Amino acid sequence: GFVVLVRVFSPHKVLPRFAFFGGVVFYVFFQAAHYGYDLYLSRLTNVGAMYGSFATLIVIVLWMYYCSTLLLLCCHGVKVAQRRLTGGPRWPKDGKLFVVA
């Protein structure tokens, strides 16, 4: 899913090897986050006591936040890896002279 997301919805051309690398990194981090979040909910906190009837909503929103942050982090990693390893510009404005008149 990550590979398709990066290849289809990116405004720039993403090479397949970097998309697959990002997908593998995303999968590993997603599984680690899933295990950690499960451990947190089962052993370290009592969400139902804190939030009452809103506990399910809080758990779902927090998981969506973790997943979206992880997705953005991996997409950024793909962009940086592709720029550095293919010899592209390190910054968006590299190669362009910015003159303030």
N, C-alpha and C. Protein backbone atom coordinates (compact mmCIF):
# COMPACT_ATOMS: atom_id res chain seq x y z
N GLY A 1 0.80 -1.18 0.00
CA GLY A 1 0.00 0.00 0.00
C GLY A 1 0.86 1.27 0.00
N PHE A 2 1.94 1.24 0.76
CA PHE A 2 2.81 2.42 0.85
C PHE A 2 3.43 2.73 -0.50
N VAL A 3 3.85 1.69 -1.20
CA VAL A 3 4.51 1.88 -2.50
C VAL A 3 3.56 2.54 -3.48
N VAL A 4 2.33 2.07 -3.54
CA VAL A 4 1.33 2.66 -4.44
C VAL A 4 1.03 4.09 -4.02
N LEU A 5 0.91 4.32 -2.72
CA LEU A 5 0.63 5.67 -2.23
C LEU A 5 1.72 6.65 -2.63
N VAL A 6 2.96 6.24 -2.46
CA VAL A 6 4.08 7.13 -2.78
C VAL A 6 4.20 7.33 -4.29
N ARG A 7 4.03 6.27 -5.05
CA ARG A 7 4.20 6.38 -6.51
C ARG A 7 3.06 7.15 -7.17
N VAL A 8 1.83 6.99 -6.70
CA VAL A 8 0.68 7.59 -7.37
C VAL A 8 0.43 9.03 -6.90
N PHE A 9 0.51 9.25 -5.60
CA PHE A 9 0.10 10.56 -5.07
C PHE A 9 1.24 11.55 -4.87
N SER A 10 2.46 11.18 -5.21
CA SER A 10 3.56 12.11 -5.09
C SER A 10 3.60 13.04 -6.30
N PRO A 11 3.85 14.32 -6.09
CA PRO A 11 3.94 15.23 -7.23
C PRO A 11 5.24 15.06 -8.01
N HIS A 12 6.20 14.33 -7.44
CA HIS A 12 7.49 14.11 -8.09
C HIS A 12 7.60 12.63 -8.47
N LYS A 13 8.51 12.35 -9.38
CA LYS A 13 8.73 10.96 -9.78
C LYS A 13 9.53 10.25 -8.70
N VAL A 14 8.98 9.15 -8.19
CA VAL A 14 9.66 8.36 -7.18
C VAL A 14 10.09 7.04 -7.83
N LEU A 15 11.37 6.75 -7.74
CA LEU A 15 11.89 5.50 -8.32
C LEU A 15 11.37 4.31 -7.52
N PRO A 16 11.11 3.19 -8.20
CA PRO A 16 10.55 2.03 -7.51
C PRO A 16 11.41 1.51 -6.37
N ARG A 17 12.73 1.52 -6.51
CA ARG A 17 13.57 0.97 -5.44
C ARG A 17 13.45 1.79 -4.16
N PHE A 18 13.29 3.10 -4.28
CA PHE A 18 13.13 3.94 -3.09
C PHE A 18 11.73 3.78 -2.49
N ALA A 19 10.74 3.59 -3.35
CA ALA A 19 9.38 3.37 -2.86
C ALA A 19 9.30 2.05 -2.09
N PHE A 20 9.94 0.99 -2.63
CA PHE A 20 9.93 -0.30 -1.93
C PHE A 20 10.72 -0.23 -0.63
N PHE A 21 11.83 0.47 -0.64
CA PHE A 21 12.60 0.65 0.59
C PHE A 21 11.77 1.37 1.65
N GLY A 22 11.08 2.43 1.24
CA GLY A 22 10.21 3.15 2.16
C GLY A 22 9.07 2.27 2.67
N GLY A 23 8.56 1.41 1.80
CA GLY A 23 7.50 0.49 2.21
C GLY A 23 7.97 -0.50 3.25
N VAL A 24 9.18 -1.00 3.09
CA VAL A 24 9.73 -1.93 4.08
C VAL A 24 9.96 -1.23 5.41
N VAL A 25 10.52 -0.04 5.35
CA VAL A 25 10.74 0.73 6.59
C VAL A 25 9.40 1.05 7.26
N PHE A 26 8.41 1.44 6.47
CA PHE A 26 7.09 1.73 7.02
C PHE A 26 6.49 0.49 7.68
N TYR A 27 6.62 -0.66 7.04
CA TYR A 27 6.07 -1.90 7.60
C TYR A 27 6.73 -2.24 8.93
N VAL A 28 8.05 -2.14 8.99
CA VAL A 28 8.77 -2.47 10.23
C VAL A 28 8.37 -1.51 11.35
N PHE A 29 8.36 -0.22 11.05
CA PHE A 29 7.97 0.76 12.07
C PHE A 29 6.51 0.63 12.46
N PHE A 30 5.64 0.29 11.49
CA PHE A 30 4.22 0.11 11.78
C PHE A 30 4.01 -1.06 12.73
N GLN A 31 4.71 -2.17 12.49
CA GLN A 31 4.58 -3.32 13.37
C GLN A 31 5.11 -3.01 14.77
N ALA A 32 6.21 -2.29 14.85
CA ALA A 32 6.75 -1.90 16.15
C ALA A 32 5.78 -0.96 16.89
N ALA A 33 5.20 -0.02 16.16
CA ALA A 33 4.23 0.90 16.77
C ALA A 33 2.99 0.15 17.21
N HIS A 34 2.56 -0.81 16.42
CA HIS A 34 1.39 -1.61 16.78
C HIS A 34 1.64 -2.38 18.07
N TYR A 35 2.79 -3.01 18.17
CA TYR A 35 3.14 -3.76 19.37
C TYR A 35 3.25 -2.81 20.57
N GLY A 36 3.92 -1.70 20.40
CA GLY A 36 4.07 -0.74 21.50
C GLY A 36 2.74 -0.14 21.94
N TYR A 37 1.87 0.18 21.00
CA TYR A 37 0.58 0.76 21.33
C TYR A 37 -0.29 -0.26 22.05
N ASP A 38 -0.25 -1.51 21.59
CA ASP A 38 -0.99 -2.58 22.24
C ASP A 38 -0.49 -2.78 23.67
N LEU A 39 0.82 -2.78 23.84
CA LEU A 39 1.40 -2.91 25.17
C LEU A 39 0.99 -1.74 26.07
N TYR A 40 1.01 -0.55 25.53
CA TYR A 40 0.62 0.64 26.28
C TYR A 40 -0.83 0.56 26.74
N LEU A 41 -1.72 0.16 25.82
CA LEU A 41 -3.14 0.11 26.18
C LEU A 41 -3.47 -1.03 27.13
N SER A 42 -2.77 -2.14 27.01
CA SER A 42 -3.12 -3.29 27.84
C SER A 42 -2.48 -3.26 29.22
N ARG A 43 -1.30 -2.69 29.36
CA ARG A 43 -0.58 -2.80 30.63
C ARG A 43 -0.30 -1.49 31.35
N LEU A 44 -0.16 -0.42 30.62
CA LEU A 44 0.31 0.79 31.26
C LEU A 44 -0.77 1.82 31.58
N THR A 45 -1.92 1.72 30.97
CA THR A 45 -2.93 2.73 31.19
C THR A 45 -4.32 2.11 31.21
N ASN A 46 -5.24 2.81 31.84
CA ASN A 46 -6.64 2.41 31.85
C ASN A 46 -7.43 3.55 31.19
N VAL A 47 -7.56 3.47 29.89
CA VAL A 47 -8.18 4.54 29.12
C VAL A 47 -9.64 4.70 29.49
N GLY A 48 -10.33 3.59 29.76
CA GLY A 48 -11.74 3.64 30.12
C GLY A 48 -11.98 4.43 31.39
N ALA A 49 -11.08 4.33 32.36
CA ALA A 49 -11.23 5.07 33.62
C ALA A 49 -10.99 6.57 33.41
N MET A 50 -10.11 6.89 32.46
CA MET A 50 -9.79 8.31 32.24
C MET A 50 -10.85 9.02 31.41
N TYR A 51 -11.32 8.36 30.34
CA TYR A 51 -12.18 9.04 29.37
C TYR A 51 -13.62 8.54 29.37
N GLY A 52 -13.91 7.47 30.08
CA GLY A 52 -15.28 6.96 30.16
C GLY A 52 -15.79 6.47 28.82
N SER A 53 -16.93 6.99 28.41
CA SER A 53 -17.56 6.52 27.18
C SER A 53 -16.82 6.98 25.92
N PHE A 54 -15.93 7.93 26.04
CA PHE A 54 -15.16 8.42 24.90
C PHE A 54 -13.85 7.66 24.70
N ALA A 55 -13.63 6.61 25.46
CA ALA A 55 -12.36 5.88 25.41
C ALA A 55 -12.08 5.32 24.02
N THR A 56 -13.08 4.73 23.39
CA THR A 56 -12.88 4.15 22.06
C THR A 56 -12.49 5.23 21.05
N LEU A 57 -13.15 6.36 21.11
CA LEU A 57 -12.84 7.46 20.21
C LEU A 57 -11.41 7.96 20.43
N ILE A 58 -11.01 8.10 21.67
CA ILE A 58 -9.67 8.58 21.98
C ILE A 58 -8.62 7.58 21.48
N VAL A 59 -8.87 6.28 21.67
CA VAL A 59 -7.92 5.26 21.22
C VAL A 59 -7.78 5.29 19.71
N ILE A 60 -8.89 5.41 19.00
CA ILE A 60 -8.85 5.43 17.53
C ILE A 60 -8.16 6.68 17.00
N VAL A 61 -8.47 7.83 17.56
CA VAL A 61 -7.84 9.08 17.11
C VAL A 61 -6.35 9.08 17.39
N LEU A 62 -5.95 8.56 18.54
CA LEU A 62 -4.53 8.50 18.87
C LEU A 62 -3.79 7.55 17.92
N TRP A 63 -4.41 6.41 17.58
CA TRP A 63 -3.78 5.48 16.64
C TRP A 63 -3.68 6.09 15.24
N MET A 64 -4.70 6.83 14.82
CA MET A 64 -4.64 7.51 13.52
C MET A 64 -3.53 8.55 13.51
N TYR A 65 -3.33 9.24 14.61
CA TYR A 65 -2.25 10.22 14.71
C TYR A 65 -0.89 9.53 14.58
N TYR A 66 -0.70 8.42 15.29
CA TYR A 66 0.56 7.69 15.19
C TYR A 66 0.80 7.20 13.76
N CYS A 67 -0.21 6.65 13.13
CA CYS A 67 -0.05 6.13 11.77
C CYS A 67 0.25 7.23 10.77
N SER A 68 -0.44 8.36 10.89
CA SER A 68 -0.19 9.45 9.94
C SER A 68 1.19 10.06 10.14
N THR A 69 1.63 10.16 11.38
CA THR A 69 2.97 10.66 11.64
C THR A 69 4.02 9.71 11.07
N LEU A 70 3.80 8.42 11.24
CA LEU A 70 4.71 7.43 10.68
C LEU A 70 4.73 7.48 9.16
N LEU A 71 3.57 7.65 8.55
CA LEU A 71 3.49 7.74 7.10
C LEU A 71 4.27 8.95 6.58
N LEU A 72 4.08 10.10 7.20
CA LEU A 72 4.81 11.30 6.77
C LEU A 72 6.31 11.17 6.99
N LEU A 73 6.71 10.55 8.08
CA LEU A 73 8.12 10.34 8.36
C LEU A 73 8.75 9.45 7.29
N CYS A 74 8.08 8.37 6.91
CA CYS A 74 8.62 7.46 5.89
C CYS A 74 8.62 8.12 4.51
N CYS A 75 7.60 8.90 4.18
CA CYS A 75 7.59 9.61 2.90
C CYS A 75 8.75 10.61 2.83
N HIS A 76 9.00 11.29 3.91
CA HIS A 76 10.12 12.23 3.95
C HIS A 76 11.44 11.47 3.80
N GLY A 77 11.55 10.31 4.44
CA GLY A 77 12.76 9.50 4.30
C GLY A 77 12.99 9.05 2.87
N VAL A 78 11.92 8.69 2.16
CA VAL A 78 12.03 8.31 0.75
C VAL A 78 12.52 9.50 -0.07
N LYS A 79 11.98 10.67 0.19
CA LYS A 79 12.39 11.86 -0.56
C LYS A 79 13.86 12.18 -0.33
N VAL A 80 14.29 12.15 0.93
CA VAL A 80 15.67 12.48 1.24
C VAL A 80 16.62 11.43 0.67
N ALA A 81 16.27 10.16 0.80
CA ALA A 81 17.13 9.09 0.27
C ALA A 81 17.26 9.19 -1.24
N GLN A 82 16.16 9.45 -1.93
CA GLN A 82 16.23 9.55 -3.38
C GLN A 82 17.06 10.75 -3.81
N ARG A 83 16.90 11.87 -3.13
CA ARG A 83 17.68 13.06 -3.51
C ARG A 83 19.17 12.85 -3.28
N ARG A 84 19.53 12.23 -2.16
CA ARG A 84 20.94 12.08 -1.84
C ARG A 84 21.62 10.99 -2.67
N LEU A 85 20.90 9.91 -2.95
CA LEU A 85 21.53 8.79 -3.64
C LEU A 85 21.48 8.89 -5.15
N THR A 86 20.64 9.74 -5.70
CA THR A 86 20.60 9.89 -7.16
C THR A 86 21.30 11.16 -7.62
N GLY A 87 21.86 11.90 -6.69
CA GLY A 87 22.62 13.09 -7.07
C GLY A 87 21.75 14.29 -7.38
N GLY A 88 20.53 14.27 -6.93
CA GLY A 88 19.64 15.41 -7.14
C GLY A 88 19.96 16.53 -6.17
N PRO A 89 19.23 17.61 -6.25
CA PRO A 89 19.48 18.73 -5.34
C PRO A 89 19.17 18.35 -3.90
N ARG A 90 20.00 18.80 -2.98
CA ARG A 90 19.75 18.51 -1.56
C ARG A 90 18.66 19.39 -1.01
N TRP A 91 18.50 20.56 -1.56
CA TRP A 91 17.46 21.48 -1.13
C TRP A 91 16.65 21.87 -2.37
N PRO A 92 15.40 22.24 -2.19
CA PRO A 92 14.56 22.55 -3.35
C PRO A 92 15.11 23.64 -4.25
N LYS A 93 15.82 24.62 -3.70
CA LYS A 93 16.29 25.74 -4.51
C LYS A 93 17.75 25.62 -4.90
N ASP A 94 18.37 24.45 -4.72
CA ASP A 94 19.76 24.28 -5.12
C ASP A 94 19.89 24.49 -6.63
N GLY A 95 20.90 25.18 -7.01
CA GLY A 95 21.14 25.41 -8.42
C GLY A 95 20.46 26.66 -8.93
N LYS A 96 19.65 27.30 -8.11
CA LYS A 96 18.98 28.52 -8.53
C LYS A 96 19.46 29.65 -7.65
N LEU A 97 19.88 30.70 -8.26
CA LEU A 97 20.39 31.85 -7.53
C LEU A 97 19.22 32.71 -7.10
N PHE A 98 19.15 32.98 -5.81
CA PHE A 98 18.08 33.81 -5.27
C PHE A 98 18.67 35.17 -4.93
N VAL A 99 18.25 36.17 -5.67
CA VAL A 99 18.78 37.52 -5.49
C VAL A 99 17.67 38.43 -5.01
N VAL A 100 17.94 39.15 -3.92
CA VAL A 100 16.98 40.12 -3.42
C VAL A 100 17.39 41.48 -3.95
N ALA A 101 16.50 42.12 -4.68
CA ALA A 101 16.84 43.41 -5.28
C ALA A 101 16.32 44.55 -4.45
